[in-house]
């Protein structure tokens, strides 16, 4: 024997609060059919000695079409926004495990070395690199010779000036270039592994968790390998 669940309110001929609210919402919403009925009634009741101008009639129709079009457009934008957020998250997930280059002076030494890039606004007759540990002790000093303007790739293999190998971890890199007759500090882009991504479900913003360097936004990543 099967038992069919019934709504006691429906059996009594009563509507639930939710149904009443839905009906009220439908009554206050002006649809296209309602609008056409109002326009027809307006034409029937108009003063024959003062008929409605064609411009007024068309203007009311245009206003209704504009409001309805804006509502449809808003819904389409919401759907598009959700789709773009999903697509952005999918693309960002493919970056996990790759090396991201961000502007920083903290160099992360791993088992395969510590990659970096040096930004040269102009050609330099000499470029020097200094690497210090977290206590400020100088571990490595290198002269890279004359370099052209642009991005100069640099890779520290972990070897110190004493010939020993530094332990994997975080270090500080300083680069100077002799440009003309001035010794200028140069910006560096350090390469770090992307460990994971974060997606803000409300805004769709994507950020990356970089090994040893914390979080970075999408626009802070200058290059990805």
C-alpha atoms as a PDB file:
ATOM      1  CA  UNK A   1       0.000   0.000   0.000  1.00  0.00           C
ATOM      2  CA  UNK A   2       1.412   3.355  -0.956  1.00  0.00           C
ATOM      3  CA  UNK A   3       0.926   6.490   1.119  1.00  0.00           C
ATOM      4  CA  UNK A   4       0.694   9.814  -0.646  1.00  0.00           C
ATOM      5  CA  UNK A   5       1.799  12.859   1.355  1.00  0.00           C
ATOM      6  CA  UNK A   6      -0.736  15.664   1.235  1.00  0.00           C
ATOM      7  CA  UNK A   7      -0.549  19.317   2.126  1.00  0.00           C
ATOM      8  CA  UNK A   8      -3.123  20.093   4.879  1.00  0.00           C
ATOM      9  CA  UNK A   9      -3.267  23.730   3.757  1.00  0.00           C
ATOM     10  CA  UNK A  10      -4.131  22.708   0.222  1.00  0.00           C
ATOM     11  CA  UNK A  11      -6.867  20.361   1.479  1.00  0.00           C
ATOM     12  CA  UNK A  12      -8.457  23.279   3.309  1.00  0.00           C
ATOM     13  CA  UNK A  13      -8.263  25.482   0.257  1.00  0.00           C
ATOM     14  CA  UNK A  14      -5.607  27.699   1.860  1.00  0.00           C
ATOM     15  CA  UNK A  15      -2.356  28.951   0.388  1.00  0.00           C
ATOM     16  CA  UNK A  16       0.957  28.844   2.205  1.00  0.00           C
ATOM     17  CA  UNK A  17       2.865  32.056   2.928  1.00  0.00           C
ATOM     18  CA  UNK A  18       5.416  31.197   0.232  1.00  0.00           C
ATOM     19  CA  UNK A  19       2.652  30.749  -2.371  1.00  0.00           C
ATOM     20  CA  UNK A  20       1.051  34.033  -1.327  1.00  0.00           C
ATOM     21  CA  UNK A  21       4.370  35.837  -1.700  1.00  0.00           C
ATOM     22  CA  UNK A  22       4.876  34.267  -5.130  1.00  0.00           C
ATOM     23  CA  UNK A  23       1.400  35.285  -6.228  1.00  0.00           C
ATOM     24  CA  UNK A  24       1.926  38.793  -4.909  1.00  0.00           C
ATOM     25  CA  UNK A  25       5.183  39.048  -6.801  1.00  0.00           C
ATOM     26  CA  UNK A  26       3.470  37.895 -10.010  1.00  0.00           C
ATOM     27  CA  UNK A  27       0.688  40.466  -9.517  1.00  0.00           C
ATOM     28  CA  UNK A  28       3.186  43.320  -9.150  1.00  0.00           C
ATOM     29  CA  UNK A  29       5.236  42.277 -12.176  1.00  0.00           C
ATOM     30  CA  UNK A  30       4.238  43.863 -15.478  1.00  0.00           C
ATOM     31  CA  UNK A  31       4.781  41.460 -18.335  1.00  0.00           C
ATOM     32  CA  UNK A  32       4.669  42.082 -22.056  1.00  0.00           C
ATOM     33  CA  UNK A  33       1.089  40.777 -22.348  1.00  0.00           C
ATOM     34  CA  UNK A  34      -0.070  43.078 -19.532  1.00  0.00           C
ATOM     35  CA  UNK A  35       1.647  46.023 -21.171  1.00  0.00           C
ATOM     36  CA  UNK A  36      -0.102  45.382 -24.505  1.00  0.00           C
ATOM     37  CA  UNK A  37      -3.482  45.139 -22.731  1.00  0.00           C
ATOM     38  CA  UNK A  38      -2.870  48.487 -21.034  1.00  0.00           C
ATOM     39  CA  UNK A  39      -1.872  50.070 -24.326  1.00  0.00           C
ATOM     40  CA  UNK A  40      -4.989  48.703 -26.057  1.00  0.00           C
ATOM     41  CA  UNK A  41      -7.216  49.974 -23.247  1.00  0.00           C
ATOM     42  CA  UNK A  42      -5.501  53.354 -23.403  1.00  0.00           C
ATOM     43  CA  UNK A  43      -6.209  53.588 -27.130  1.00  0.00           C
ATOM     44  CA  UNK A  44      -9.866  52.622 -26.635  1.00  0.00           C
ATOM     45  CA  UNK A  45     -10.402  55.178 -23.854  1.00  0.00           C
ATOM     46  CA  UNK A  46      -8.605  58.076 -25.478  1.00  0.00           C
ATOM     47  CA  UNK A  47     -10.431  61.280 -26.371  1.00  0.00           C
ATOM     48  CA  UNK A  48     -11.258  61.088 -30.108  1.00  0.00           C
ATOM     49  CA  UNK A  49     -10.743  64.851 -30.307  1.00  0.00           C
ATOM     50  CA  UNK A  50      -7.297  64.492 -28.731  1.00  0.00           C
ATOM     51  CA  UNK A  51      -5.913  61.220 -30.017  1.00  0.00           C
ATOM     52  CA  UNK A  52      -2.589  59.973 -28.755  1.00  0.00           C
ATOM     53  CA  UNK A  53       0.321  61.083 -30.844  1.00  0.00           C
ATOM     54  CA  UNK A  54       2.236  58.335 -32.627  1.00  0.00           C
ATOM     55  CA  UNK A  55       5.370  59.597 -30.959  1.00  0.00           C
ATOM     56  CA  UNK A  56       3.865  59.156 -27.483  1.00  0.00           C
ATOM     57  CA  UNK A  57       2.700  55.659 -28.295  1.00  0.00           C
ATOM     58  CA  UNK A  58       6.042  54.632 -29.709  1.00  0.00           C
ATOM     59  CA  UNK A  59       7.830  56.301 -26.798  1.00  0.00           C
ATOM     60  CA  UNK A  60       5.946  54.185 -24.246  1.00  0.00           C
ATOM     61  CA  UNK A  61       6.711  51.029 -26.195  1.00  0.00           C
ATOM     62  CA  UNK A  62      10.367  51.995 -26.380  1.00  0.00           C
ATOM     63  CA  UNK A  63      10.502  52.581 -22.618  1.00  0.00           C
ATOM     64  CA  UNK A  64       9.028  49.168 -21.923  1.00  0.00           C
ATOM     65  CA  UNK A  65      11.382  47.499 -24.381  1.00  0.00           C
ATOM     66  CA  UNK A  66      14.347  49.298 -22.799  1.00  0.00           C
ATOM     67  CA  UNK A  67      13.476  48.141 -19.276  1.00  0.00           C
ATOM     68  CA  UNK A  68      12.917  44.575 -20.418  1.00  0.00           C
ATOM     69  CA  UNK A  69      16.127  44.664 -22.455  1.00  0.00           C
ATOM     70  CA  UNK A  70      18.141  45.892 -19.457  1.00  0.00           C
ATOM     71  CA  UNK A  71      16.790  43.060 -17.297  1.00  0.00           C
ATOM     72  CA  UNK A  72      17.641  40.472 -19.965  1.00  0.00           C
ATOM     73  CA  UNK A  73      21.092  42.004 -20.434  1.00  0.00           C
ATOM     74  CA  UNK A  74      21.746  41.928 -16.677  1.00  0.00           C
ATOM     75  CA  UNK A  75      20.894  38.235 -16.551  1.00  0.00           C
ATOM     76  CA  UNK A  76      23.172  37.539 -19.523  1.00  0.00           C
ATOM     77  CA  UNK A  77      26.046  39.394 -17.870  1.00  0.00           C
ATOM     78  CA  UNK A  78      25.608  37.376 -14.664  1.00  0.00           C
ATOM     79  CA  UNK A  79      25.759  34.148 -16.652  1.00  0.00           C
ATOM     80  CA  UNK A  80      28.804  35.374 -18.578  1.00  0.00           C
ATOM     81  CA  UNK A  81      30.547  36.446 -15.356  1.00  0.00           C
ATOM     82  CA  UNK A  82      30.059  33.002 -13.799  1.00  0.00           C
ATOM     83  CA  UNK A  83      31.384  31.353 -16.953  1.00  0.00           C
ATOM     84  CA  UNK A  84      34.456  33.619 -17.032  1.00  0.00           C
ATOM     85  CA  UNK A  85      35.229  32.927 -13.370  1.00  0.00           C
ATOM     86  CA  UNK A  86      35.111  29.185 -14.009  1.00  0.00           C
ATOM     87  CA  UNK A  87      37.294  29.537 -17.099  1.00  0.00           C
ATOM     88  CA  UNK A  88      39.832  31.691 -15.219  1.00  0.00           C
ATOM     89  CA  UNK A  89      40.037  29.178 -12.368  1.00  0.00           C
ATOM     90  CA  UNK A  90      40.576  26.345 -14.852  1.00  0.00           C
ATOM     91  CA  UNK A  91      43.379  28.229 -16.597  1.00  0.00           C
ATOM     92  CA  UNK A  92      44.990  29.161 -13.283  1.00  0.00           C
ATOM     93  CA  UNK A  93      44.989  25.534 -12.109  1.00  0.00           C
ATOM     94  CA  UNK A  94      47.240  24.623 -15.053  1.00  0.00           C
ATOM     95  CA  UNK A  95      49.937  26.901 -13.562  1.00  0.00           C
ATOM     96  CA  UNK A  96      50.447  24.746 -10.470  1.00  0.00           C
ATOM     97  CA  UNK A  97      53.963  23.288 -10.478  1.00  0.00           C
ATOM     98  CA  UNK A  98      55.334  25.877 -12.899  1.00  0.00           C
ATOM     99  CA  UNK A  99      57.826  28.637 -12.093  1.00  0.00           C
ATOM    100  CA  UNK A 100      56.420  32.139 -11.652  1.00  0.00           C
ATOM    101  CA  UNK A 101      58.618  35.234 -11.782  1.00  0.00           C
ATOM    102  CA  UNK A 102      57.628  38.124  -9.523  1.00  0.00           C
ATOM    103  CA  UNK A 103      59.404  41.348  -8.620  1.00  0.00           C
ATOM    104  CA  UNK A 104      61.149  40.624  -5.328  1.00  0.00           C
ATOM    105  CA  UNK A 105      64.570  40.622  -3.674  1.00  0.00           C
ATOM    106  CA  UNK A 106      64.027  37.317  -1.853  1.00  0.00           C
ATOM    107  CA  UNK A 107      65.709  34.510  -3.734  1.00  0.00           C
ATOM    108  CA  UNK A 108      64.455  30.952  -3.135  1.00  0.00           C
ATOM    109  CA  UNK A 109      67.184  28.317  -3.446  1.00  0.00           C
ATOM    110  CA  UNK A 110      65.928  24.848  -4.327  1.00  0.00           C
ATOM    111  CA  UNK A 111      67.557  21.593  -5.353  1.00  0.00           C
ATOM    112  CA  UNK A 112      67.860  22.857  -8.926  1.00  0.00           C
ATOM    113  CA  UNK A 113      69.169  26.319  -8.020  1.00  0.00           C
ATOM    114  CA  UNK A 114      67.561  29.730  -7.759  1.00  0.00           C
ATOM    115  CA  UNK A 115      66.434  31.386 -11.038  1.00  0.00           C
ATOM    116  CA  UNK A 116      66.108  35.146 -11.378  1.00  0.00           C
ATOM    117  CA  UNK A 117      65.900  37.908 -13.971  1.00  0.00           C
ATOM    118  CA  UNK A 118      67.564  41.311 -13.810  1.00  0.00           C
ATOM    119  CA  UNK A 119      65.810  44.340 -15.289  1.00  0.00           C
ATOM    120  CA  UNK A 120      68.201  46.638 -17.166  1.00  0.00           C
ATOM    121  CA  UNK A 121      66.564  49.937 -18.222  1.00  0.00           C
ATOM    122  CA  UNK A 122      69.716  50.796 -20.179  1.00  0.00           C
ATOM    123  CA  UNK A 123      72.888  49.014 -21.190  1.00  0.00           C
ATOM    124  CA  UNK A 124      75.460  48.699 -18.412  1.00  0.00           C
ATOM    125  CA  UNK A 125      79.234  48.466 -18.640  1.00  0.00           C
ATOM    126  CA  UNK A 126      79.249  46.235 -15.546  1.00  0.00           C
ATOM    127  CA  UNK A 127      76.606  44.272 -13.592  1.00  0.00           C
ATOM    128  CA  UNK A 128      77.362  42.894 -10.144  1.00  0.00           C
ATOM    129  CA  UNK A 129      75.307  40.431  -8.066  1.00  0.00           C
ATOM    130  CA  UNK A 130      75.480  39.949  -4.304  1.00  0.00           C
ATOM    131  CA  UNK A 131      73.650  37.240  -2.344  1.00  0.00           C
ATOM    132  CA  UNK A 132      73.233  37.392   1.425  1.00  0.00           C
ATOM    133  CA  UNK A 133      71.708  35.017   3.944  1.00  0.00           C
ATOM    134  CA  UNK A 134      68.882  35.988   6.321  1.00  0.00           C
ATOM    135  CA  UNK A 135      71.409  37.363   8.837  1.00  0.00           C
ATOM    136  CA  UNK A 136      72.928  39.695   6.221  1.00  0.00           C
ATOM    137  CA  UNK A 137      76.144  37.727   5.715  1.00  0.00           C
ATOM    138  CA  UNK A 138      77.561  37.918   2.184  1.00  0.00           C
ATOM    139  CA  UNK A 139      77.668  34.434   0.645  1.00  0.00           C
ATOM    140  CA  UNK A 140      78.221  35.044  -3.053  1.00  0.00           C
ATOM    141  CA  UNK A 141      79.506  37.946  -5.151  1.00  0.00           C
ATOM    142  CA  UNK A 142      79.611  37.813  -8.952  1.00  0.00           C
ATOM    143  CA  UNK A 143      80.587  40.147 -11.768  1.00  0.00           C
ATOM    144  CA  UNK A 144      78.498  39.579 -14.913  1.00  0.00           C
ATOM    145  CA  UNK A 145      80.386  42.045 -17.136  1.00  0.00           C
ATOM    146  CA  UNK A 146      78.778  44.435 -19.648  1.00  0.00           C
ATOM    147  CA  UNK A 147      75.118  43.792 -20.448  1.00  0.00           C
ATOM    148  CA  UNK A 148      72.563  45.176 -22.895  1.00  0.00           C
ATOM    149  CA  UNK A 149      69.252  46.758 -21.896  1.00  0.00           C
ATOM    150  CA  UNK A 150      66.377  44.372 -21.244  1.00  0.00           C
ATOM    151  CA  UNK A 151      65.906  41.267 -19.096  1.00  0.00           C
ATOM    152  CA  UNK A 152      69.079  39.475 -18.069  1.00  0.00           C
ATOM    153  CA  UNK A 153      68.636  35.892 -16.887  1.00  0.00           C
ATOM    154  CA  UNK A 154      70.554  34.783 -13.817  1.00  0.00           C
ATOM    155  CA  UNK A 155      70.790  31.436 -12.056  1.00  0.00           C
ATOM    156  CA  UNK A 156      72.445  30.891  -8.678  1.00  0.00           C
ATOM    157  CA  UNK A 157      73.457  27.276  -8.229  1.00  0.00           C
ATOM    158  CA  UNK A 158      73.865  27.654  -4.463  1.00  0.00           C
ATOM    159  CA  UNK A 159      77.648  27.788  -4.442  1.00  0.00           C
ATOM    160  CA  UNK A 160      79.213  30.325  -2.055  1.00  0.00           C
ATOM    161  CA  UNK A 161      82.456  32.264  -2.459  1.00  0.00           C
ATOM    162  CA  UNK A 162      84.132  29.786  -0.109  1.00  0.00           C
ATOM    163  CA  UNK A 163      83.264  26.906  -2.437  1.00  0.00           C
ATOM    164  CA  UNK A 164      80.678  25.317  -0.151  1.00  0.00           C
ATOM    165  CA  UNK A 165      77.041  24.772  -1.072  1.00  0.00           C
ATOM    166  CA  UNK A 166      74.329  26.786   0.643  1.00  0.00           C
ATOM    167  CA  UNK A 167      71.349  24.980   2.087  1.00  0.00           C
ATOM    168  CA  UNK A 168      67.986  25.259   0.285  1.00  0.00           C
ATOM    169  CA  UNK A 169      65.974  28.173   1.604  1.00  0.00           C
ATOM    170  CA  UNK A 170      65.414  31.880   1.369  1.00  0.00           C
ATOM    171  CA  UNK A 171      68.185  34.366   0.549  1.00  0.00           C
ATOM    172  CA  UNK A 172      68.479  38.027  -0.404  1.00  0.00           C
ATOM    173  CA  UNK A 173      69.740  39.159  -3.794  1.00  0.00           C
ATOM    174  CA  UNK A 174      71.113  42.626  -4.607  1.00  0.00           C
ATOM    175  CA  UNK A 175      72.055  43.703  -8.140  1.00  0.00           C
ATOM    176  CA  UNK A 176      73.842  46.878  -9.230  1.00  0.00           C
ATOM    177  CA  UNK A 177      74.694  48.126 -12.688  1.00  0.00           C
ATOM    178  CA  UNK A 178      77.231  50.693 -13.848  1.00  0.00           C
ATOM    179  CA  UNK A 179      75.158  52.737 -16.287  1.00  0.00           C
ATOM    180  CA  UNK A 180      77.176  55.583 -17.725  1.00  0.00           C
ATOM    181  CA  UNK A 181      79.111  56.963 -14.777  1.00  0.00           C
ATOM    182  CA  UNK A 182      76.489  56.003 -12.156  1.00  0.00           C
ATOM    183  CA  UNK A 183      76.191  52.815 -10.152  1.00  0.00           C
ATOM    184  CA  UNK A 184      72.451  52.062  -9.978  1.00  0.00           C
ATOM    185  CA  UNK A 185      70.434  49.464  -8.064  1.00  0.00           C
ATOM    186  CA  UNK A 186      68.543  47.195 -10.446  1.00  0.00           C
ATOM    187  CA  UNK A 187      65.202  45.448  -9.981  1.00  0.00           C
ATOM    188  CA  UNK A 188      65.078  41.675  -9.908  1.00  0.00           C
ATOM    189  CA  UNK A 189      62.396  39.140 -10.795  1.00  0.00           C
ATOM    190  CA  UNK A 190      62.793  35.950  -8.787  1.00  0.00           C
ATOM    191  CA  UNK A 191      61.466  32.595  -9.922  1.00  0.00           C
ATOM    192  CA  UNK A 192      59.431  30.508  -7.505  1.00  0.00           C
ATOM    193  CA  UNK A 193      57.325  27.367  -7.834  1.00  0.00           C
ATOM    194  CA  UNK A 194      53.536  27.789  -7.858  1.00  0.00           C
ATOM    195  CA  UNK A 195      52.219  25.467  -5.144  1.00  0.00           C
ATOM    196  CA  UNK A 196      48.483  26.172  -5.307  1.00  0.00           C
ATOM    197  CA  UNK A 197      45.889  28.762  -6.281  1.00  0.00           C
ATOM    198  CA  UNK A 198      43.148  30.632  -4.426  1.00  0.00           C
ATOM    199  CA  UNK A 199      39.866  31.663  -6.052  1.00  0.00           C
ATOM    200  CA  UNK A 200      37.623  34.335  -4.535  1.00  0.00           C
ATOM    201  CA  UNK A 201      34.132  33.047  -5.325  1.00  0.00           C
ATOM    202  CA  UNK A 202      32.570  36.489  -4.941  1.00  0.00           C
ATOM    203  CA  UNK A 203      34.890  38.500  -7.174  1.00  0.00           C
ATOM    204  CA  UNK A 204      36.494  35.720  -9.229  1.00  0.00           C
ATOM    205  CA  UNK A 205      39.964  37.053  -8.396  1.00  0.00           C
ATOM    206  CA  UNK A 206      42.754  34.474  -8.588  1.00  0.00           C
ATOM    207  CA  UNK A 207      45.882  34.514  -6.411  1.00  0.00           C
ATOM    208  CA  UNK A 208      48.841  32.143  -6.359  1.00  0.00           C
ATOM    209  CA  UNK A 209      50.647  30.572  -3.417  1.00  0.00           C
ATOM    210  CA  UNK A 210      54.353  30.733  -4.208  1.00  0.00           C
ATOM    211  CA  UNK A 211      56.828  28.448  -2.494  1.00  0.00           C
ATOM    212  CA  UNK A 212      58.528  30.377   0.312  1.00  0.00           C
ATOM    213  CA  UNK A 213      57.181  33.766  -0.802  1.00  0.00           C
ATOM    214  CA  UNK A 214      53.506  33.619   0.135  1.00  0.00           C
ATOM    215  CA  UNK A 215      50.623  34.811  -2.002  1.00  0.00           C
ATOM    216  CA  UNK A 216      50.771  36.843  -5.220  1.00  0.00           C
ATOM    217  CA  UNK A 217      47.974  38.207  -7.382  1.00  0.00           C
ATOM    218  CA  UNK A 218      47.692  37.440 -11.078  1.00  0.00           C
ATOM    219  CA  UNK A 219      48.976  40.886 -12.141  1.00  0.00           C
ATOM    220  CA  UNK A 220      52.086  40.516  -9.949  1.00  0.00           C
ATOM    221  CA  UNK A 221      53.385  37.626 -12.057  1.00  0.00           C
ATOM    222  CA  UNK A 222      55.630  38.997 -14.781  1.00  0.00           C
ATOM    223  CA  UNK A 223      56.453  35.691 -16.450  1.00  0.00           C
ATOM    224  CA  UNK A 224      55.569  32.014 -16.135  1.00  0.00           C
ATOM    225  CA  UNK A 225      57.594  28.983 -17.153  1.00  0.00           C
END
